[in-house]
């Protein structure tokens, strides 16, 4: 009888020790959740062959000023408790209204001498998204993209249908002449004079700049959003649409991982689903944002011959801005931290 009692007590003590050991092990293995910053915003104004020796001091100063102004616009929204979506919209509108970027006012010309604009936006809370392609009369395509997301059952509208939808939503409509800028027109003439059709231009694009604009943001409520806007490629034909309005390629946002906007040779970004691939690597491989972004941009994409880069913010407010070209107009802002960069070695 006594032996049985002692045996049972021994078993109970052994089990208790084992359980205690398991708890200790689990506590050691569990990593504390990183602290999330109050808010964060990252932007880009295009990547490409951007070298200091080719840039005048005056132009560089203007570009930095415009990037800073865009950051200020978006940060003001975030500081005041606004949503990441509102910050993205305001930031991209500021860049669309500037003639220095290939989006909105500064859009490049197609082979036909037109401006065909693309844009997209995505909400990281619920993965809702909206996009437009080939619009020609909408002053701010990012507003049209958001309207598609919030006021239609669709994700992507293109061409005349997207123009008509934008009119019905009461967005500001402009005469196509609004988008005319002399330097973009001259770029088209040079492309034509050199007999650079779309395919040839695409092959030589590494000697040019992808002027797409984009933004990614984290708001005070922990919600992520991203957006992208572009005029596409100079001398493009056949209503070509690149990655900017393609969710998962040019834009992606997921509250569980990150928010991303891309800039580069769109055909490669579409084929490799660049924006989504970075998010997926974070989710499935459990690797950090910077590592995932570097692997895709400077690994997969570069190996395939794709030029460009991304900017983004993860769910903690960490910023990543990798690119595989000589330069990329880019910047970010967090509480008490701001940076605007252009060149590879900035």
C-alpha atoms as a PDB file:
ATOM      1  CA  UNK A   1       0.000   0.000   0.000  1.00  0.00           C
ATOM      2  CA  UNK A   2       2.745   2.444   1.064  1.00  0.00           C
ATOM      3  CA  UNK A   3       4.785   1.464  -1.978  1.00  0.00           C
ATOM      4  CA  UNK A   4       1.839   2.250  -4.253  1.00  0.00           C
ATOM      5  CA  UNK A   5       1.345   5.669  -2.676  1.00  0.00           C
ATOM      6  CA  UNK A   6       5.048   6.494  -3.023  1.00  0.00           C
ATOM      7  CA  UNK A   7       4.972   5.337  -6.660  1.00  0.00           C
ATOM      8  CA  UNK A   8       1.972   7.539  -7.450  1.00  0.00           C
ATOM      9  CA  UNK A   9       3.550  10.548  -5.750  1.00  0.00           C
ATOM     10  CA  UNK A  10       6.720  10.033  -7.752  1.00  0.00           C
ATOM     11  CA  UNK A  11       4.758  10.042 -10.990  1.00  0.00           C
ATOM     12  CA  UNK A  12       2.937  13.250 -10.003  1.00  0.00           C
ATOM     13  CA  UNK A  13       6.203  15.011  -9.104  1.00  0.00           C
ATOM     14  CA  UNK A  14       7.797  13.872 -12.389  1.00  0.00           C
ATOM     15  CA  UNK A  15       4.844  15.176 -14.422  1.00  0.00           C
ATOM     16  CA  UNK A  16       4.885  18.481 -12.571  1.00  0.00           C
ATOM     17  CA  UNK A  17       8.588  18.900 -13.284  1.00  0.00           C
ATOM     18  CA  UNK A  18       8.097  18.068 -16.933  1.00  0.00           C
ATOM     19  CA  UNK A  19       5.268  20.601 -17.235  1.00  0.00           C
ATOM     20  CA  UNK A  20       7.355  23.224 -15.491  1.00  0.00           C
ATOM     21  CA  UNK A  21      10.233  22.520 -17.873  1.00  0.00           C
ATOM     22  CA  UNK A  22       7.978  22.861 -20.890  1.00  0.00           C
ATOM     23  CA  UNK A  23       6.678  26.223 -19.738  1.00  0.00           C
ATOM     24  CA  UNK A  24      10.212  27.461 -19.130  1.00  0.00           C
ATOM     25  CA  UNK A  25      11.281  26.341 -22.608  1.00  0.00           C
ATOM     26  CA  UNK A  26       8.291  27.998 -24.264  1.00  0.00           C
ATOM     27  CA  UNK A  27       8.934  31.198 -22.379  1.00  0.00           C
ATOM     28  CA  UNK A  28      12.554  31.209 -23.541  1.00  0.00           C
ATOM     29  CA  UNK A  29      11.642  30.505 -27.167  1.00  0.00           C
ATOM     30  CA  UNK A  30       8.861  33.105 -27.345  1.00  0.00           C
ATOM     31  CA  UNK A  31      10.152  36.359 -28.850  1.00  0.00           C
ATOM     32  CA  UNK A  32       8.696  39.654 -27.701  1.00  0.00           C
ATOM     33  CA  UNK A  33       6.591  41.483 -30.287  1.00  0.00           C
ATOM     34  CA  UNK A  34       8.574  44.404 -31.772  1.00  0.00           C
ATOM     35  CA  UNK A  35       7.319  47.817 -30.803  1.00  0.00           C
ATOM     36  CA  UNK A  36       5.255  49.564 -33.502  1.00  0.00           C
ATOM     37  CA  UNK A  37       6.044  53.194 -34.327  1.00  0.00           C
ATOM     38  CA  UNK A  38       3.242  55.728 -34.108  1.00  0.00           C
ATOM     39  CA  UNK A  39       3.111  56.177 -37.891  1.00  0.00           C
ATOM     40  CA  UNK A  40       5.321  55.863 -40.958  1.00  0.00           C
ATOM     41  CA  UNK A  41       5.212  56.990 -44.587  1.00  0.00           C
ATOM     42  CA  UNK A  42       7.497  56.061 -47.494  1.00  0.00           C
ATOM     43  CA  UNK A  43       7.389  57.504 -51.015  1.00  0.00           C
ATOM     44  CA  UNK A  44       9.110  57.188 -54.385  1.00  0.00           C
ATOM     45  CA  UNK A  45       9.215  59.304 -57.517  1.00  0.00           C
ATOM     46  CA  UNK A  46      10.740  56.749 -59.866  1.00  0.00           C
ATOM     47  CA  UNK A  47      13.939  54.741 -60.327  1.00  0.00           C
ATOM     48  CA  UNK A  48      16.443  54.555 -63.181  1.00  0.00           C
ATOM     49  CA  UNK A  49      19.707  55.997 -64.422  1.00  0.00           C
ATOM     50  CA  UNK A  50      19.759  58.887 -61.991  1.00  0.00           C
ATOM     51  CA  UNK A  51      23.352  60.020 -61.451  1.00  0.00           C
ATOM     52  CA  UNK A  52      24.673  63.093 -59.667  1.00  0.00           C
ATOM     53  CA  UNK A  53      26.942  64.002 -62.587  1.00  0.00           C
ATOM     54  CA  UNK A  54      23.895  64.227 -64.849  1.00  0.00           C
ATOM     55  CA  UNK A  55      21.844  66.358 -62.451  1.00  0.00           C
ATOM     56  CA  UNK A  56      22.081  70.125 -62.134  1.00  0.00           C
ATOM     57  CA  UNK A  57      22.162  71.530 -58.619  1.00  0.00           C
ATOM     58  CA  UNK A  58      18.987  73.476 -59.354  1.00  0.00           C
ATOM     59  CA  UNK A  59      17.034  70.436 -60.528  1.00  0.00           C
ATOM     60  CA  UNK A  60      18.231  68.329 -57.612  1.00  0.00           C
ATOM     61  CA  UNK A  61      17.113  71.020 -55.167  1.00  0.00           C
ATOM     62  CA  UNK A  62      13.661  71.186 -56.773  1.00  0.00           C
ATOM     63  CA  UNK A  63      13.229  67.395 -56.746  1.00  0.00           C
ATOM     64  CA  UNK A  64      14.204  67.201 -53.078  1.00  0.00           C
ATOM     65  CA  UNK A  65      11.823  70.046 -52.264  1.00  0.00           C
ATOM     66  CA  UNK A  66       8.891  68.370 -54.045  1.00  0.00           C
ATOM     67  CA  UNK A  67       9.584  65.044 -52.319  1.00  0.00           C
ATOM     68  CA  UNK A  68       9.731  66.809 -48.963  1.00  0.00           C
ATOM     69  CA  UNK A  69       6.460  68.593 -49.689  1.00  0.00           C
ATOM     70  CA  UNK A  70       4.780  65.279 -50.514  1.00  0.00           C
ATOM     71  CA  UNK A  71       6.065  63.768 -47.269  1.00  0.00           C
ATOM     72  CA  UNK A  72       4.759  66.754 -45.313  1.00  0.00           C
ATOM     73  CA  UNK A  73       1.310  66.427 -46.882  1.00  0.00           C
ATOM     74  CA  UNK A  74       1.069  62.746 -45.972  1.00  0.00           C
ATOM     75  CA  UNK A  75       2.612  63.116 -42.535  1.00  0.00           C
ATOM     76  CA  UNK A  76       0.125  65.842 -41.636  1.00  0.00           C
ATOM     77  CA  UNK A  77      -2.720  63.395 -42.270  1.00  0.00           C
ATOM     78  CA  UNK A  78      -1.069  60.677 -40.173  1.00  0.00           C
ATOM     79  CA  UNK A  79      -0.087  63.021 -37.339  1.00  0.00           C
ATOM     80  CA  UNK A  80      -3.691  64.163 -37.003  1.00  0.00           C
ATOM     81  CA  UNK A  81      -4.937  60.592 -36.710  1.00  0.00           C
ATOM     82  CA  UNK A  82      -5.996  60.218 -40.334  1.00  0.00           C
ATOM     83  CA  UNK A  83      -6.089  56.852 -42.056  1.00  0.00           C
ATOM     84  CA  UNK A  84      -3.249  55.375 -44.075  1.00  0.00           C
ATOM     85  CA  UNK A  85      -5.567  55.458 -47.116  1.00  0.00           C
ATOM     86  CA  UNK A  86      -6.138  59.193 -46.731  1.00  0.00           C
ATOM     87  CA  UNK A  87      -2.401  59.742 -46.326  1.00  0.00           C
ATOM     88  CA  UNK A  88      -1.640  57.739 -49.483  1.00  0.00           C
ATOM     89  CA  UNK A  89      -4.251  59.645 -51.467  1.00  0.00           C
ATOM     90  CA  UNK A  90      -3.006  63.064 -50.349  1.00  0.00           C
ATOM     91  CA  UNK A  91       0.665  62.201 -50.844  1.00  0.00           C
ATOM     92  CA  UNK A  92       0.244  60.806 -54.349  1.00  0.00           C
ATOM     93  CA  UNK A  93      -1.991  63.707 -55.387  1.00  0.00           C
ATOM     94  CA  UNK A  94       0.818  66.089 -54.415  1.00  0.00           C
ATOM     95  CA  UNK A  95       3.187  64.239 -56.747  1.00  0.00           C
ATOM     96  CA  UNK A  96       0.590  63.879 -59.514  1.00  0.00           C
ATOM     97  CA  UNK A  97       0.198  67.656 -59.475  1.00  0.00           C
ATOM     98  CA  UNK A  98       3.925  68.174 -60.014  1.00  0.00           C
ATOM     99  CA  UNK A  99       5.393  68.232 -63.552  1.00  0.00           C
ATOM    100  CA  UNK A 100       8.619  66.627 -62.291  1.00  0.00           C
ATOM    101  CA  UNK A 101       7.249  63.079 -62.109  1.00  0.00           C
ATOM    102  CA  UNK A 102       5.797  60.722 -64.689  1.00  0.00           C
ATOM    103  CA  UNK A 103       2.307  60.775 -63.198  1.00  0.00           C
ATOM    104  CA  UNK A 104      -0.617  63.154 -63.557  1.00  0.00           C
ATOM    105  CA  UNK A 105       0.620  66.556 -64.751  1.00  0.00           C
ATOM    106  CA  UNK A 106       4.074  65.241 -65.721  1.00  0.00           C
ATOM    107  CA  UNK A 107       2.933  62.100 -67.559  1.00  0.00           C
ATOM    108  CA  UNK A 108       4.854  60.910 -70.622  1.00  0.00           C
ATOM    109  CA  UNK A 109       3.352  60.645 -74.103  1.00  0.00           C
ATOM    110  CA  UNK A 110       2.289  57.572 -76.025  1.00  0.00           C
ATOM    111  CA  UNK A 111       3.288  56.949 -79.639  1.00  0.00           C
ATOM    112  CA  UNK A 112       0.050  58.685 -80.659  1.00  0.00           C
ATOM    113  CA  UNK A 113       0.945  61.793 -78.680  1.00  0.00           C
ATOM    114  CA  UNK A 114      -1.540  61.121 -75.882  1.00  0.00           C
ATOM    115  CA  UNK A 115      -1.238  60.776 -72.104  1.00  0.00           C
ATOM    116  CA  UNK A 116      -2.649  57.492 -70.776  1.00  0.00           C
ATOM    117  CA  UNK A 117      -2.573  57.314 -67.000  1.00  0.00           C
ATOM    118  CA  UNK A 118      -2.664  54.340 -64.616  1.00  0.00           C
ATOM    119  CA  UNK A 119      -3.083  54.171 -60.825  1.00  0.00           C
ATOM    120  CA  UNK A 120      -3.955  51.791 -58.003  1.00  0.00           C
ATOM    121  CA  UNK A 121      -4.562  51.789 -54.266  1.00  0.00           C
ATOM    122  CA  UNK A 122      -4.923  49.006 -51.674  1.00  0.00           C
ATOM    123  CA  UNK A 123      -6.224  48.816 -48.105  1.00  0.00           C
ATOM    124  CA  UNK A 124      -4.187  46.514 -45.860  1.00  0.00           C
ATOM    125  CA  UNK A 125      -7.047  46.019 -43.397  1.00  0.00           C
ATOM    126  CA  UNK A 126      -9.216  43.951 -45.704  1.00  0.00           C
ATOM    127  CA  UNK A 127      -7.200  43.701 -48.942  1.00  0.00           C
ATOM    128  CA  UNK A 128      -9.748  45.797 -50.807  1.00  0.00           C
ATOM    129  CA  UNK A 129      -8.204  47.432 -53.865  1.00  0.00           C
ATOM    130  CA  UNK A 130      -9.049  49.673 -56.787  1.00  0.00           C
ATOM    131  CA  UNK A 131      -7.272  50.647 -59.994  1.00  0.00           C
ATOM    132  CA  UNK A 132      -7.646  52.446 -63.301  1.00  0.00           C
ATOM    133  CA  UNK A 133      -5.704  52.060 -66.530  1.00  0.00           C
ATOM    134  CA  UNK A 134      -5.395  54.284 -69.574  1.00  0.00           C
ATOM    135  CA  UNK A 135      -7.458  57.203 -68.295  1.00  0.00           C
ATOM    136  CA  UNK A 136      -6.985  60.399 -70.296  1.00  0.00           C
ATOM    137  CA  UNK A 137      -9.072  63.140 -68.672  1.00  0.00           C
ATOM    138  CA  UNK A 138      -8.865  62.498 -64.908  1.00  0.00           C
ATOM    139  CA  UNK A 139      -6.689  65.099 -63.194  1.00  0.00           C
ATOM    140  CA  UNK A 140      -5.758  62.784 -60.316  1.00  0.00           C
ATOM    141  CA  UNK A 141      -5.892  59.093 -61.248  1.00  0.00           C
ATOM    142  CA  UNK A 142      -5.269  58.020 -57.641  1.00  0.00           C
ATOM    143  CA  UNK A 143      -8.715  59.425 -56.778  1.00  0.00           C
ATOM    144  CA  UNK A 144     -10.242  57.347 -59.560  1.00  0.00           C
ATOM    145  CA  UNK A 145      -8.507  54.231 -58.234  1.00  0.00           C
ATOM    146  CA  UNK A 146      -9.904  54.829 -54.756  1.00  0.00           C
ATOM    147  CA  UNK A 147     -13.370  55.435 -56.182  1.00  0.00           C
ATOM    148  CA  UNK A 148     -13.213  52.083 -57.977  1.00  0.00           C
ATOM    149  CA  UNK A 149     -12.272  50.425 -54.670  1.00  0.00           C
ATOM    150  CA  UNK A 150     -14.949  52.094 -52.564  1.00  0.00           C
ATOM    151  CA  UNK A 151     -17.793  52.797 -54.980  1.00  0.00           C
ATOM    152  CA  UNK A 152     -17.827  49.872 -57.399  1.00  0.00           C
ATOM    153  CA  UNK A 153     -17.858  46.083 -57.308  1.00  0.00           C
ATOM    154  CA  UNK A 154     -14.683  45.945 -59.372  1.00  0.00           C
ATOM    155  CA  UNK A 155     -10.929  46.236 -58.911  1.00  0.00           C
ATOM    156  CA  UNK A 156      -9.699  47.512 -62.290  1.00  0.00           C
ATOM    157  CA  UNK A 157     -11.408  49.743 -64.853  1.00  0.00           C
ATOM    158  CA  UNK A 158      -9.685  50.888 -68.052  1.00  0.00           C
ATOM    159  CA  UNK A 159      -9.963  53.329 -70.942  1.00  0.00           C
ATOM    160  CA  UNK A 160     -13.220  55.061 -71.749  1.00  0.00           C
ATOM    161  CA  UNK A 161     -15.091  53.044 -69.151  1.00  0.00           C
ATOM    162  CA  UNK A 162     -12.744  54.327 -66.442  1.00  0.00           C
ATOM    163  CA  UNK A 163     -13.104  57.886 -67.774  1.00  0.00           C
ATOM    164  CA  UNK A 164     -16.897  57.611 -67.683  1.00  0.00           C
ATOM    165  CA  UNK A 165     -16.906  56.116 -64.186  1.00  0.00           C
ATOM    166  CA  UNK A 166     -14.693  58.974 -62.978  1.00  0.00           C
ATOM    167  CA  UNK A 167     -17.132  61.525 -64.407  1.00  0.00           C
ATOM    168  CA  UNK A 168     -20.056  59.823 -62.670  1.00  0.00           C
ATOM    169  CA  UNK A 169     -18.185  59.942 -59.366  1.00  0.00           C
ATOM    170  CA  UNK A 170     -17.745  63.698 -59.657  1.00  0.00           C
ATOM    171  CA  UNK A 171     -13.956  63.626 -59.927  1.00  0.00           C
ATOM    172  CA  UNK A 172     -12.168  66.608 -61.438  1.00  0.00           C
ATOM    173  CA  UNK A 173     -12.078  66.198 -65.212  1.00  0.00           C
ATOM    174  CA  UNK A 174      -9.592  68.145 -67.339  1.00  0.00           C
ATOM    175  CA  UNK A 175      -8.901  68.694 -71.008  1.00  0.00           C
ATOM    176  CA  UNK A 176      -6.098  66.347 -72.175  1.00  0.00           C
ATOM    177  CA  UNK A 177      -4.021  69.480 -72.848  1.00  0.00           C
ATOM    178  CA  UNK A 178      -3.644  69.829 -69.081  1.00  0.00           C
ATOM    179  CA  UNK A 179      -1.088  67.001 -69.110  1.00  0.00           C
ATOM    180  CA  UNK A 180       1.141  68.584 -71.766  1.00  0.00           C
ATOM    181  CA  UNK A 181       4.689  69.435 -70.692  1.00  0.00           C
ATOM    182  CA  UNK A 182       7.372  70.449 -73.150  1.00  0.00           C
ATOM    183  CA  UNK A 183      10.119  68.168 -71.881  1.00  0.00           C
ATOM    184  CA  UNK A 184       7.872  65.076 -72.083  1.00  0.00           C
ATOM    185  CA  UNK A 185       6.859  66.036 -75.614  1.00  0.00           C
ATOM    186  CA  UNK A 186      10.507  66.397 -76.603  1.00  0.00           C
ATOM    187  CA  UNK A 187      11.270  62.981 -75.111  1.00  0.00           C
ATOM    188  CA  UNK A 188       8.637  61.468 -77.381  1.00  0.00           C
ATOM    189  CA  UNK A 189      10.112  63.205 -80.424  1.00  0.00           C
ATOM    190  CA  UNK A 190      13.583  61.872 -79.584  1.00  0.00           C
ATOM    191  CA  UNK A 191      12.220  58.349 -79.234  1.00  0.00           C
ATOM    192  CA  UNK A 192      10.497  58.644 -82.609  1.00  0.00           C
ATOM    193  CA  UNK A 193      13.525  60.238 -84.300  1.00  0.00           C
ATOM    194  CA  UNK A 194      15.674  57.320 -83.154  1.00  0.00           C
ATOM    195  CA  UNK A 195      13.038  54.955 -84.503  1.00  0.00           C
ATOM    196  CA  UNK A 196      12.457  53.486 -81.059  1.00  0.00           C
ATOM    197  CA  UNK A 197       9.198  51.612 -81.220  1.00  0.00           C
ATOM    198  CA  UNK A 198       7.755  50.192 -78.031  1.00  0.00           C
ATOM    199  CA  UNK A 199       9.805  46.976 -78.058  1.00  0.00           C
ATOM    200  CA  UNK A 200      13.049  48.800 -78.797  1.00  0.00           C
ATOM    201  CA  UNK A 201      12.290  51.420 -76.178  1.00  0.00           C
ATOM    202  CA  UNK A 202      11.586  48.710 -73.637  1.00  0.00           C
ATOM    203  CA  UNK A 203      14.995  47.181 -74.325  1.00  0.00           C
ATOM    204  CA  UNK A 204      16.761  50.522 -73.870  1.00  0.00           C
ATOM    205  CA  UNK A 205      14.735  51.685 -70.889  1.00  0.00           C
ATOM    206  CA  UNK A 206      17.641  51.032 -68.497  1.00  0.00           C
ATOM    207  CA  UNK A 207      19.154  54.248 -69.832  1.00  0.00           C
ATOM    208  CA  UNK A 208      16.082  56.230 -68.814  1.00  0.00           C
ATOM    209  CA  UNK A 209      14.076  56.912 -65.663  1.00  0.00           C
ATOM    210  CA  UNK A 210      10.874  55.252 -64.564  1.00  0.00           C
ATOM    211  CA  UNK A 211       8.986  58.269 -63.269  1.00  0.00           C
ATOM    212  CA  UNK A 212       6.184  56.424 -61.522  1.00  0.00           C
ATOM    213  CA  UNK A 213       5.177  57.785 -58.100  1.00  0.00           C
ATOM    214  CA  UNK A 214       4.021  55.800 -55.117  1.00  0.00           C
ATOM    215  CA  UNK A 215       3.504  55.764 -51.366  1.00  0.00           C
ATOM    216  CA  UNK A 216       3.078  53.300 -48.508  1.00  0.00           C
ATOM    217  CA  UNK A 217       1.846  54.203 -45.039  1.00  0.00           C
ATOM    218  CA  UNK A 218       1.165  52.914 -41.534  1.00  0.00           C
ATOM    219  CA  UNK A 219      -1.342  54.924 -39.476  1.00  0.00           C
ATOM    220  CA  UNK A 220      -1.850  55.291 -35.722  1.00  0.00           C
ATOM    221  CA  UNK A 221      -4.409  52.474 -35.742  1.00  0.00           C
ATOM    222  CA  UNK A 222      -1.893  50.043 -37.196  1.00  0.00           C
ATOM    223  CA  UNK A 223      -3.472  49.959 -40.643  1.00  0.00           C
ATOM    224  CA  UNK A 224      -1.354  49.778 -43.786  1.00  0.00           C
ATOM    225  CA  UNK A 225      -2.111  51.095 -47.280  1.00  0.00           C
ATOM    226  CA  UNK A 226      -0.231  51.598 -50.531  1.00  0.00           C
ATOM    227  CA  UNK A 227      -0.786  53.353 -53.843  1.00  0.00           C
ATOM    228  CA  UNK A 228       0.944  53.932 -57.172  1.00  0.00           C
ATOM    229  CA  UNK A 229       0.376  56.311 -60.105  1.00  0.00           C
ATOM    230  CA  UNK A 230       2.099  56.614 -63.499  1.00  0.00           C
ATOM    231  CA  UNK A 231       1.999  57.795 -67.091  1.00  0.00           C
ATOM    232  CA  UNK A 232       3.641  54.576 -68.239  1.00  0.00           C
ATOM    233  CA  UNK A 233       6.386  54.348 -70.873  1.00  0.00           C
ATOM    234  CA  UNK A 234       7.320  57.025 -73.398  1.00  0.00           C
ATOM    235  CA  UNK A 235       6.271  56.045 -76.939  1.00  0.00           C
ATOM    236  CA  UNK A 236       4.146  53.109 -75.747  1.00  0.00           C
ATOM    237  CA  UNK A 237       1.636  51.647 -78.215  1.00  0.00           C
ATOM    238  CA  UNK A 238      -1.558  49.615 -78.284  1.00  0.00           C
ATOM    239  CA  UNK A 239      -2.900  50.975 -74.965  1.00  0.00           C
ATOM    240  CA  UNK A 240      -0.105  49.221 -73.119  1.00  0.00           C
ATOM    241  CA  UNK A 241      -0.595  48.999 -69.351  1.00  0.00           C
ATOM    242  CA  UNK A 242       2.258  48.241 -66.969  1.00  0.00           C
ATOM    243  CA  UNK A 243       2.439  47.066 -63.374  1.00  0.00           C
ATOM    244  CA  UNK A 244       1.257  50.248 -61.615  1.00  0.00           C
ATOM    245  CA  UNK A 245      -2.484  49.400 -61.721  1.00  0.00           C
ATOM    246  CA  UNK A 246      -1.889  45.668 -61.207  1.00  0.00           C
ATOM    247  CA  UNK A 247      -2.504  44.579 -57.620  1.00  0.00           C
ATOM    248  CA  UNK A 248       0.315  42.326 -56.451  1.00  0.00           C
ATOM    249  CA  UNK A 249       2.756  43.718 -59.002  1.00  0.00           C
ATOM    250  CA  UNK A 250       2.832  47.510 -58.663  1.00  0.00           C
ATOM    251  CA  UNK A 251       0.898  47.833 -55.408  1.00  0.00           C
ATOM    252  CA  UNK A 252       0.151  45.588 -52.432  1.00  0.00           C
ATOM    253  CA  UNK A 253      -0.871  46.019 -48.790  1.00  0.00           C
ATOM    254  CA  UNK A 254      -1.600  43.521 -46.025  1.00  0.00           C
ATOM    255  CA  UNK A 255      -1.836  44.454 -42.348  1.00  0.00           C
ATOM    256  CA  UNK A 256      -0.155  41.144 -41.471  1.00  0.00           C
ATOM    257  CA  UNK A 257       3.020  41.993 -43.384  1.00  0.00           C
ATOM    258  CA  UNK A 258       3.657  45.225 -45.281  1.00  0.00           C
ATOM    259  CA  UNK A 259       2.539  47.854 -47.798  1.00  0.00           C
ATOM    260  CA  UNK A 260       4.489  48.289 -51.046  1.00  0.00           C
ATOM    261  CA  UNK A 261       4.630  50.488 -54.156  1.00  0.00           C
ATOM    262  CA  UNK A 262       6.837  49.561 -57.122  1.00  0.00           C
ATOM    263  CA  UNK A 263       8.650  51.470 -59.853  1.00  0.00           C
ATOM    264  CA  UNK A 264      10.481  49.962 -62.802  1.00  0.00           C
ATOM    265  CA  UNK A 265      10.105  47.996 -66.011  1.00  0.00           C
ATOM    266  CA  UNK A 266       6.493  46.974 -65.515  1.00  0.00           C
ATOM    267  CA  UNK A 267       6.505  43.814 -67.588  1.00  0.00           C
ATOM    268  CA  UNK A 268       9.004  42.236 -65.165  1.00  0.00           C
ATOM    269  CA  UNK A 269       7.144  43.418 -62.098  1.00  0.00           C
ATOM    270  CA  UNK A 270       3.974  41.812 -63.461  1.00  0.00           C
ATOM    271  CA  UNK A 271       5.635  38.507 -64.358  1.00  0.00           C
ATOM    272  CA  UNK A 272       7.276  38.190 -60.974  1.00  0.00           C
ATOM    273  CA  UNK A 273       4.348  39.588 -58.944  1.00  0.00           C
ATOM    274  CA  UNK A 274       6.976  41.643 -57.148  1.00  0.00           C
ATOM    275  CA  UNK A 275       4.911  43.457 -54.516  1.00  0.00           C
ATOM    276  CA  UNK A 276       2.998  40.349 -53.461  1.00  0.00           C
ATOM    277  CA  UNK A 277       6.119  38.177 -53.552  1.00  0.00           C
ATOM    278  CA  UNK A 278       7.778  40.328 -50.896  1.00  0.00           C
ATOM    279  CA  UNK A 279       4.713  40.080 -48.663  1.00  0.00           C
ATOM    280  CA  UNK A 280       4.485  36.317 -49.220  1.00  0.00           C
ATOM    281  CA  UNK A 281       8.124  35.781 -48.274  1.00  0.00           C
ATOM    282  CA  UNK A 282       7.492  37.609 -45.030  1.00  0.00           C
ATOM    283  CA  UNK A 283       4.341  35.606 -44.288  1.00  0.00           C
ATOM    284  CA  UNK A 284       5.507  32.117 -45.233  1.00  0.00           C
ATOM    285  CA  UNK A 285       9.242  32.268 -44.592  1.00  0.00           C
ATOM    286  CA  UNK A 286       8.944  34.522 -41.532  1.00  0.00           C
ATOM    287  CA  UNK A 287      11.774  36.761 -42.687  1.00  0.00           C
ATOM    288  CA  UNK A 288      12.020  40.487 -42.042  1.00  0.00           C
ATOM    289  CA  UNK A 289      10.824  43.156 -44.473  1.00  0.00           C
ATOM    290  CA  UNK A 290      14.240  44.459 -45.557  1.00  0.00           C
ATOM    291  CA  UNK A 291      15.577  40.969 -46.259  1.00  0.00           C
ATOM    292  CA  UNK A 292      12.502  39.956 -48.250  1.00  0.00           C
ATOM    293  CA  UNK A 293      12.541  43.158 -50.319  1.00  0.00           C
ATOM    294  CA  UNK A 294      16.263  42.821 -51.061  1.00  0.00           C
ATOM    295  CA  UNK A 295      15.896  39.188 -52.127  1.00  0.00           C
ATOM    296  CA  UNK A 296      13.191  40.073 -54.625  1.00  0.00           C
ATOM    297  CA  UNK A 297      14.610  43.330 -56.048  1.00  0.00           C
ATOM    298  CA  UNK A 298      18.339  42.584 -55.994  1.00  0.00           C
ATOM    299  CA  UNK A 299      17.973  38.839 -56.353  1.00  0.00           C
ATOM    300  CA  UNK A 300      15.050  37.466 -58.346  1.00  0.00           C
ATOM    301  CA  UNK A 301      14.231  40.603 -60.347  1.00  0.00           C
ATOM    302  CA  UNK A 302      17.810  41.581 -61.137  1.00  0.00           C
ATOM    303  CA  UNK A 303      18.706  38.035 -62.199  1.00  0.00           C
ATOM    304  CA  UNK A 304      15.779  38.087 -64.626  1.00  0.00           C
ATOM    305  CA  UNK A 305      16.934  41.389 -66.143  1.00  0.00           C
ATOM    306  CA  UNK A 306      14.295  43.570 -64.503  1.00  0.00           C
ATOM    307  CA  UNK A 307      15.214  47.129 -63.506  1.00  0.00           C
ATOM    308  CA  UNK A 308      13.559  49.098 -60.738  1.00  0.00           C
ATOM    309  CA  UNK A 309      12.810  49.185 -57.047  1.00  0.00           C
ATOM    310  CA  UNK A 310      10.165  49.375 -54.345  1.00  0.00           C
ATOM    311  CA  UNK A 311       9.400  51.420 -51.276  1.00  0.00           C
ATOM    312  CA  UNK A 312       7.345  50.137 -48.388  1.00  0.00           C
ATOM    313  CA  UNK A 313       6.446  50.044 -44.721  1.00  0.00           C
ATOM    314  CA  UNK A 314       5.886  46.928 -42.628  1.00  0.00           C
ATOM    315  CA  UNK A 315       3.353  46.458 -39.840  1.00  0.00           C
ATOM    316  CA  UNK A 316       5.801  47.791 -37.238  1.00  0.00           C
ATOM    317  CA  UNK A 317       6.716  50.883 -39.237  1.00  0.00           C
ATOM    318  CA  UNK A 318      10.048  49.615 -40.564  1.00  0.00           C
ATOM    319  CA  UNK A 319      10.854  51.142 -43.970  1.00  0.00           C
ATOM    320  CA  UNK A 320      12.534  49.354 -46.899  1.00  0.00           C
ATOM    321  CA  UNK A 321      13.523  51.068 -50.172  1.00  0.00           C
ATOM    322  CA  UNK A 322      15.716  48.691 -52.245  1.00  0.00           C
ATOM    323  CA  UNK A 323      16.420  49.301 -55.944  1.00  0.00           C
ATOM    324  CA  UNK A 324      18.807  47.866 -58.545  1.00  0.00           C
ATOM    325  CA  UNK A 325      19.299  50.985 -60.682  1.00  0.00           C
ATOM    326  CA  UNK A 326      21.807  53.849 -60.229  1.00  0.00           C
ATOM    327  CA  UNK A 327      19.221  55.954 -58.440  1.00  0.00           C
ATOM    328  CA  UNK A 328      15.668  56.237 -57.159  1.00  0.00           C
ATOM    329  CA  UNK A 329      13.797  59.319 -55.956  1.00  0.00           C
ATOM    330  CA  UNK A 330      12.658  58.241 -52.500  1.00  0.00           C
ATOM    331  CA  UNK A 331      12.027  59.315 -48.948  1.00  0.00           C
ATOM    332  CA  UNK A 332      10.346  58.452 -45.673  1.00  0.00           C
ATOM    333  CA  UNK A 333       9.094  60.058 -42.525  1.00  0.00           C
ATOM    334  CA  UNK A 334       8.370  58.809 -39.001  1.00  0.00           C
ATOM    335  CA  UNK A 335       7.957  60.724 -35.750  1.00  0.00           C
ATOM    336  CA  UNK A 336      11.201  62.714 -35.317  1.00  0.00           C
ATOM    337  CA  UNK A 337      12.792  61.089 -38.384  1.00  0.00           C
ATOM    338  CA  UNK A 338      12.809  62.149 -42.039  1.00  0.00           C
ATOM    339  CA  UNK A 339      14.967  61.423 -45.066  1.00  0.00           C
ATOM    340  CA  UNK A 340      14.909  62.302 -48.775  1.00  0.00           C
ATOM    341  CA  UNK A 341      17.305  60.418 -51.043  1.00  0.00           C
ATOM    342  CA  UNK A 342      18.113  60.270 -54.749  1.00  0.00           C
ATOM    343  CA  UNK A 343      21.360  58.462 -55.525  1.00  0.00           C
ATOM    344  CA  UNK A 344      22.636  54.969 -54.812  1.00  0.00           C
ATOM    345  CA  UNK A 345      25.151  56.171 -52.252  1.00  0.00           C
ATOM    346  CA  UNK A 346      22.920  58.680 -50.453  1.00  0.00           C
END
